Amino acid sequence: MISHHRLQGSPYVLALAAACFSVIPQQAVAAQVQAYAIFEVASSANVTATADKLRGTSLGNCLQLVIGAHARDVILHIACDESSTDTSYLSQAMIALAKVDGISRATIVSVKQGTS
């Protein structure tokens, strides 16, 4: 019988752990979709207040970061975790953000899959 102390640090522990890890089914990793979008602020709205509303909007499986603002445009980076069964998170996020008070137009500039 092999004692517990002899197994610690031995190559057998590493081999056993690797074998068990490969046998246990792993959950699929969600893919990430990233986008840059420009949101045009209506002339009757305050740009700073509208940017704060865009920043504070809850987007479910997406996160948004206000990159900056120029004139009446607010630029956002949006990152969404997409699953194999539902790939509409980015679309839902864009619709939610376009409905923010003070937004007159939303334009997706770039879409990229992956995290790099």
N, C-alpha and C. Protein backbone atom coordinates (compact mmCIF):
# COMPACT_ATOMS: atom_id res chain seq x y z
N MET A 1 0.84 -1.18 0.00
CA MET A 1 0.00 0.00 0.00
C MET A 1 0.89 1.24 0.00
N ILE A 2 0.56 2.21 -0.82
CA ILE A 2 1.33 3.44 -0.93
C ILE A 2 0.78 4.45 0.06
N SER A 3 1.66 5.02 0.84
CA SER A 3 1.20 5.99 1.83
C SER A 3 0.92 7.34 1.16
N HIS A 4 0.13 8.13 1.84
CA HIS A 4 -0.24 9.47 1.35
C HIS A 4 1.00 10.34 1.16
N HIS A 5 1.97 10.21 2.04
CA HIS A 5 3.17 11.05 1.97
C HIS A 5 4.03 10.72 0.76
N ARG A 6 4.04 9.47 0.34
CA ARG A 6 4.84 9.10 -0.82
C ARG A 6 4.22 9.61 -2.11
N LEU A 7 2.89 9.80 -2.14
CA LEU A 7 2.23 10.29 -3.35
C LEU A 7 2.40 11.79 -3.53
N GLN A 8 2.55 12.53 -2.45
CA GLN A 8 2.68 13.98 -2.57
C GLN A 8 3.93 14.32 -3.36
N GLY A 9 3.78 15.14 -4.38
CA GLY A 9 4.90 15.59 -5.17
C GLY A 9 5.42 14.57 -6.17
N SER A 10 4.85 13.40 -6.21
CA SER A 10 5.34 12.41 -7.16
C SER A 10 4.69 12.61 -8.52
N PRO A 11 5.33 12.11 -9.57
CA PRO A 11 4.75 12.23 -10.91
C PRO A 11 3.43 11.47 -11.04
N TYR A 12 3.18 10.51 -10.15
CA TYR A 12 1.93 9.74 -10.22
C TYR A 12 0.73 10.62 -9.89
N VAL A 13 0.90 11.55 -8.95
CA VAL A 13 -0.19 12.45 -8.59
C VAL A 13 -0.54 13.33 -9.77
N LEU A 14 0.48 13.84 -10.44
CA LEU A 14 0.25 14.69 -11.60
C LEU A 14 -0.45 13.91 -12.72
N ALA A 15 0.00 12.68 -12.97
CA ALA A 15 -0.61 11.85 -14.01
C ALA A 15 -2.05 11.52 -13.66
N LEU A 16 -2.31 11.20 -12.39
CA LEU A 16 -3.66 10.87 -11.95
C LEU A 16 -4.58 12.09 -12.09
N ALA A 17 -4.08 13.24 -11.69
CA ALA A 17 -4.88 14.47 -11.80
C ALA A 17 -5.19 14.80 -13.26
N ALA A 18 -4.20 14.64 -14.13
CA ALA A 18 -4.41 14.92 -15.56
C ALA A 18 -5.41 13.95 -16.16
N ALA A 19 -5.33 12.68 -15.77
CA ALA A 19 -6.26 11.67 -16.29
C ALA A 19 -7.69 11.97 -15.83
N CYS A 20 -7.85 12.33 -14.56
CA CYS A 20 -9.19 12.63 -14.05
C CYS A 20 -9.74 13.89 -14.69
N PHE A 21 -8.88 14.88 -14.89
CA PHE A 21 -9.32 16.15 -15.48
C PHE A 21 -9.82 15.95 -16.90
N SER A 22 -9.14 15.07 -17.65
CA SER A 22 -9.54 14.86 -19.05
C SER A 22 -10.79 14.00 -19.17
N VAL A 23 -11.11 13.20 -18.14
CA VAL A 23 -12.28 12.35 -18.18
C VAL A 23 -13.54 13.13 -17.82
N ILE A 24 -13.41 14.09 -16.92
CA ILE A 24 -14.56 14.88 -16.48
C ILE A 24 -14.92 15.86 -17.57
N PRO A 25 -16.18 15.84 -18.06
CA PRO A 25 -16.55 16.77 -19.13
C PRO A 25 -16.46 18.21 -18.64
N GLN A 26 -15.86 19.05 -19.44
CA GLN A 26 -15.70 20.45 -19.10
C GLN A 26 -16.82 21.26 -19.74
N GLN A 27 -17.25 22.27 -19.02
CA GLN A 27 -18.29 23.15 -19.54
C GLN A 27 -17.70 23.98 -20.67
N ALA A 28 -18.46 24.15 -21.72
CA ALA A 28 -17.97 24.93 -22.86
C ALA A 28 -17.75 26.38 -22.45
N VAL A 29 -16.65 26.93 -22.90
CA VAL A 29 -16.32 28.31 -22.59
C VAL A 29 -17.12 29.20 -23.54
N ALA A 30 -17.74 30.22 -22.98
CA ALA A 30 -18.52 31.13 -23.79
C ALA A 30 -17.59 31.98 -24.63
N ALA A 31 -18.00 32.23 -25.85
CA ALA A 31 -17.23 33.10 -26.73
C ALA A 31 -17.56 34.55 -26.37
N GLN A 32 -16.62 35.42 -26.65
CA GLN A 32 -16.85 36.82 -26.37
C GLN A 32 -16.91 37.59 -27.68
N VAL A 33 -17.85 38.51 -27.75
CA VAL A 33 -17.97 39.40 -28.90
C VAL A 33 -17.75 40.82 -28.39
N GLN A 34 -16.88 41.55 -29.07
CA GLN A 34 -16.59 42.93 -28.68
C GLN A 34 -16.98 43.86 -29.81
N ALA A 35 -17.42 45.05 -29.45
CA ALA A 35 -17.82 46.03 -30.45
C ALA A 35 -17.49 47.44 -29.98
N TYR A 36 -17.29 48.30 -30.93
CA TYR A 36 -17.20 49.73 -30.67
C TYR A 36 -18.41 50.37 -31.31
N ALA A 37 -19.03 51.28 -30.61
CA ALA A 37 -20.23 51.92 -31.12
C ALA A 37 -20.18 53.42 -30.84
N ILE A 38 -20.79 54.17 -31.73
CA ILE A 38 -20.91 55.62 -31.57
C ILE A 38 -22.39 55.93 -31.34
N PHE A 39 -22.66 56.67 -30.27
CA PHE A 39 -24.02 57.07 -29.95
C PHE A 39 -24.12 58.58 -30.11
N GLU A 40 -24.98 58.99 -31.01
CA GLU A 40 -25.19 60.42 -31.26
C GLU A 40 -26.21 60.95 -30.26
N VAL A 41 -25.85 62.03 -29.58
CA VAL A 41 -26.70 62.63 -28.57
C VAL A 41 -27.57 63.69 -29.24
N ALA A 42 -28.86 63.67 -28.95
CA ALA A 42 -29.80 64.64 -29.51
C ALA A 42 -29.40 66.06 -29.10
N SER A 43 -29.71 67.02 -29.95
CA SER A 43 -29.32 68.41 -29.67
C SER A 43 -29.98 68.97 -28.42
N SER A 44 -31.11 68.41 -28.04
CA SER A 44 -31.82 68.89 -26.85
C SER A 44 -31.32 68.25 -25.56
N ALA A 45 -30.41 67.28 -25.66
CA ALA A 45 -29.93 66.54 -24.47
C ALA A 45 -28.54 67.00 -24.07
N ASN A 46 -28.22 66.80 -22.80
CA ASN A 46 -26.90 67.10 -22.26
C ASN A 46 -25.98 65.91 -22.52
N VAL A 47 -24.83 66.15 -23.15
CA VAL A 47 -23.92 65.07 -23.54
C VAL A 47 -23.38 64.32 -22.32
N THR A 48 -22.97 65.06 -21.28
CA THR A 48 -22.41 64.42 -20.08
C THR A 48 -23.44 63.56 -19.37
N ALA A 49 -24.64 64.07 -19.22
CA ALA A 49 -25.70 63.31 -18.56
C ALA A 49 -26.07 62.07 -19.37
N THR A 50 -26.11 62.21 -20.68
CA THR A 50 -26.44 61.07 -21.54
C THR A 50 -25.34 60.02 -21.49
N ALA A 51 -24.08 60.45 -21.47
CA ALA A 51 -22.96 59.50 -21.34
C ALA A 51 -23.04 58.74 -20.02
N ASP A 52 -23.43 59.43 -18.96
CA ASP A 52 -23.61 58.77 -17.66
C ASP A 52 -24.73 57.74 -17.71
N LYS A 53 -25.81 58.06 -18.43
CA LYS A 53 -26.92 57.10 -18.58
C LYS A 53 -26.46 55.87 -19.37
N LEU A 54 -25.66 56.09 -20.42
CA LEU A 54 -25.13 54.96 -21.20
C LEU A 54 -24.23 54.09 -20.32
N ARG A 55 -23.41 54.72 -19.51
CA ARG A 55 -22.50 54.01 -18.62
C ARG A 55 -23.27 53.19 -17.58
N GLY A 56 -24.39 53.70 -17.10
CA GLY A 56 -25.14 53.06 -16.04
C GLY A 56 -26.22 52.09 -16.48
N THR A 57 -26.39 51.92 -17.77
CA THR A 57 -27.43 51.01 -18.27
C THR A 57 -27.03 49.55 -18.04
N SER A 58 -27.92 48.76 -17.46
CA SER A 58 -27.66 47.34 -17.22
C SER A 58 -27.84 46.57 -18.53
N LEU A 59 -26.84 45.75 -18.87
CA LEU A 59 -26.87 45.06 -20.16
C LEU A 59 -26.83 43.53 -20.06
N GLY A 60 -27.13 42.97 -18.92
CA GLY A 60 -27.16 41.51 -18.80
C GLY A 60 -25.79 40.90 -18.97
N ASN A 61 -25.56 40.17 -20.05
CA ASN A 61 -24.29 39.47 -20.28
C ASN A 61 -23.24 40.34 -20.98
N CYS A 62 -23.44 41.64 -20.96
CA CYS A 62 -22.50 42.55 -21.62
C CYS A 62 -22.01 43.60 -20.63
N LEU A 63 -20.82 44.10 -20.90
CA LEU A 63 -20.26 45.22 -20.15
C LEU A 63 -19.94 46.33 -21.14
N GLN A 64 -20.12 47.57 -20.70
CA GLN A 64 -19.81 48.68 -21.57
C GLN A 64 -18.84 49.62 -20.87
N LEU A 65 -18.00 50.26 -21.68
CA LEU A 65 -17.04 51.22 -21.19
C LEU A 65 -17.11 52.44 -22.08
N VAL A 66 -17.36 53.59 -21.48
CA VAL A 66 -17.37 54.83 -22.25
C VAL A 66 -15.92 55.18 -22.55
N ILE A 67 -15.56 55.18 -23.83
CA ILE A 67 -14.20 55.48 -24.26
C ILE A 67 -13.98 56.99 -24.26
N GLY A 68 -14.99 57.73 -24.69
CA GLY A 68 -14.85 59.18 -24.74
C GLY A 68 -16.04 59.81 -25.42
N ALA A 69 -15.98 61.11 -25.53
CA ALA A 69 -17.04 61.87 -26.20
C ALA A 69 -16.39 62.96 -27.03
N HIS A 70 -16.97 63.24 -28.17
CA HIS A 70 -16.51 64.30 -29.04
C HIS A 70 -17.73 64.97 -29.65
N ALA A 71 -17.80 66.28 -29.46
CA ALA A 71 -18.97 67.04 -29.92
C ALA A 71 -20.22 66.42 -29.31
N ARG A 72 -21.10 65.87 -30.13
CA ARG A 72 -22.35 65.27 -29.63
C ARG A 72 -22.34 63.74 -29.75
N ASP A 73 -21.17 63.16 -29.89
CA ASP A 73 -21.03 61.71 -30.02
C ASP A 73 -20.35 61.12 -28.78
N VAL A 74 -20.87 59.98 -28.34
CA VAL A 74 -20.27 59.23 -27.23
C VAL A 74 -19.82 57.89 -27.79
N ILE A 75 -18.56 57.52 -27.52
CA ILE A 75 -17.99 56.29 -28.06
C ILE A 75 -17.91 55.26 -26.93
N LEU A 76 -18.45 54.07 -27.19
CA LEU A 76 -18.47 52.99 -26.20
C LEU A 76 -17.77 51.75 -26.73
N HIS A 77 -17.13 51.03 -25.83
CA HIS A 77 -16.64 49.68 -26.10
C HIS A 77 -17.60 48.75 -25.37
N ILE A 78 -18.12 47.74 -26.08
CA ILE A 78 -19.08 46.79 -25.52
C ILE A 78 -18.49 45.39 -25.67
N ALA A 79 -18.51 44.61 -24.59
CA ALA A 79 -18.04 43.22 -24.63
C ALA A 79 -19.15 42.33 -24.09
N CYS A 80 -19.52 41.31 -24.87
CA CYS A 80 -20.61 40.40 -24.50
C CYS A 80 -20.14 38.96 -24.51
N ASP A 81 -20.53 38.20 -23.49
CA ASP A 81 -20.30 36.76 -23.47
C ASP A 81 -21.45 36.10 -24.21
N GLU A 82 -21.15 35.46 -25.32
CA GLU A 82 -22.16 34.79 -26.13
C GLU A 82 -22.10 33.29 -25.86
N SER A 83 -23.25 32.67 -25.75
CA SER A 83 -23.29 31.21 -25.57
C SER A 83 -23.63 30.56 -26.90
N SER A 84 -23.47 29.26 -26.96
CA SER A 84 -23.77 28.56 -28.22
C SER A 84 -25.26 28.54 -28.51
N THR A 85 -26.08 28.74 -27.48
CA THR A 85 -27.53 28.70 -27.69
C THR A 85 -28.15 30.08 -27.90
N ASP A 86 -27.47 31.13 -27.43
CA ASP A 86 -28.01 32.48 -27.59
C ASP A 86 -26.89 33.43 -27.99
N THR A 87 -26.92 33.89 -29.21
CA THR A 87 -25.88 34.79 -29.71
C THR A 87 -26.42 36.19 -29.94
N SER A 88 -27.46 36.57 -29.23
CA SER A 88 -28.08 37.87 -29.48
C SER A 88 -27.78 38.90 -28.40
N TYR A 89 -26.83 38.63 -27.50
CA TYR A 89 -26.57 39.57 -26.41
C TYR A 89 -26.10 40.93 -26.91
N LEU A 90 -25.23 40.95 -27.92
CA LEU A 90 -24.77 42.23 -28.45
C LEU A 90 -25.92 43.01 -29.07
N SER A 91 -26.77 42.34 -29.80
CA SER A 91 -27.94 43.01 -30.39
C SER A 91 -28.86 43.58 -29.32
N GLN A 92 -29.09 42.79 -28.28
CA GLN A 92 -29.94 43.26 -27.18
C GLN A 92 -29.31 44.46 -26.47
N ALA A 93 -27.99 44.43 -26.30
CA ALA A 93 -27.29 45.54 -25.66
C ALA A 93 -27.40 46.80 -26.50
N MET A 94 -27.22 46.68 -27.80
CA MET A 94 -27.31 47.85 -28.67
C MET A 94 -28.72 48.45 -28.64
N ILE A 95 -29.73 47.61 -28.62
CA ILE A 95 -31.11 48.10 -28.56
C ILE A 95 -31.35 48.82 -27.24
N ALA A 96 -30.89 48.24 -26.15
CA ALA A 96 -31.06 48.87 -24.83
C ALA A 96 -30.35 50.21 -24.77
N LEU A 97 -29.14 50.28 -25.29
CA LEU A 97 -28.38 51.53 -25.26
C LEU A 97 -28.98 52.58 -26.19
N ALA A 98 -29.50 52.16 -27.34
CA ALA A 98 -30.11 53.10 -28.28
C ALA A 98 -31.39 53.71 -27.72
N LYS A 99 -32.02 53.03 -26.75
CA LYS A 99 -33.26 53.53 -26.14
C LYS A 99 -33.01 54.49 -24.98
N VAL A 100 -31.75 54.72 -24.63
CA VAL A 100 -31.43 55.63 -23.53
C VAL A 100 -31.91 57.04 -23.90
N ASP A 101 -32.52 57.72 -22.92
CA ASP A 101 -33.00 59.09 -23.16
C ASP A 101 -31.85 59.97 -23.63
N GLY A 102 -32.08 60.70 -24.71
CA GLY A 102 -31.09 61.61 -25.24
C GLY A 102 -30.32 61.07 -26.43
N ILE A 103 -30.46 59.79 -26.73
CA ILE A 103 -29.76 59.20 -27.88
C ILE A 103 -30.63 59.35 -29.13
N SER A 104 -30.04 59.91 -30.18
CA SER A 104 -30.80 60.06 -31.42
C SER A 104 -30.39 59.02 -32.47
N ARG A 105 -29.17 58.47 -32.34
CA ARG A 105 -28.72 57.47 -33.32
C ARG A 105 -27.61 56.62 -32.70
N ALA A 106 -27.60 55.33 -33.05
CA ALA A 106 -26.54 54.42 -32.61
C ALA A 106 -25.94 53.73 -33.81
N THR A 107 -24.60 53.70 -33.87
CA THR A 107 -23.91 53.09 -35.00
C THR A 107 -22.81 52.17 -34.49
N ILE A 108 -22.85 50.91 -34.93
CA ILE A 108 -21.75 49.99 -34.60
C ILE A 108 -20.63 50.24 -35.60
N VAL A 109 -19.44 50.50 -35.08
CA VAL A 109 -18.31 50.80 -35.93
C VAL A 109 -17.48 49.56 -36.22
N SER A 110 -17.31 48.69 -35.21
CA SER A 110 -16.45 47.53 -35.35
C SER A 110 -16.97 46.41 -34.47
N VAL A 111 -16.93 45.18 -34.99
CA VAL A 111 -17.30 44.00 -34.21
C VAL A 111 -16.17 42.99 -34.36
N LYS A 112 -15.77 42.40 -33.22
CA LYS A 112 -14.67 41.44 -33.21
C LYS A 112 -15.03 40.29 -32.28
N GLN A 113 -14.78 39.06 -32.71
CA GLN A 113 -14.99 37.91 -31.84
C GLN A 113 -13.69 37.60 -31.13
N GLY A 114 -13.81 37.13 -29.89
CA GLY A 114 -12.64 36.76 -29.10
C GLY A 114 -12.25 37.84 -28.13
N THR A 115 -11.23 37.53 -27.30
CA THR A 115 -10.82 38.45 -26.25
C THR A 115 -9.53 39.17 -26.55
N SER A 116 -8.82 38.78 -27.59
CA SER A 116 -7.53 39.44 -27.84
C SER A 116 -7.66 40.58 -28.81
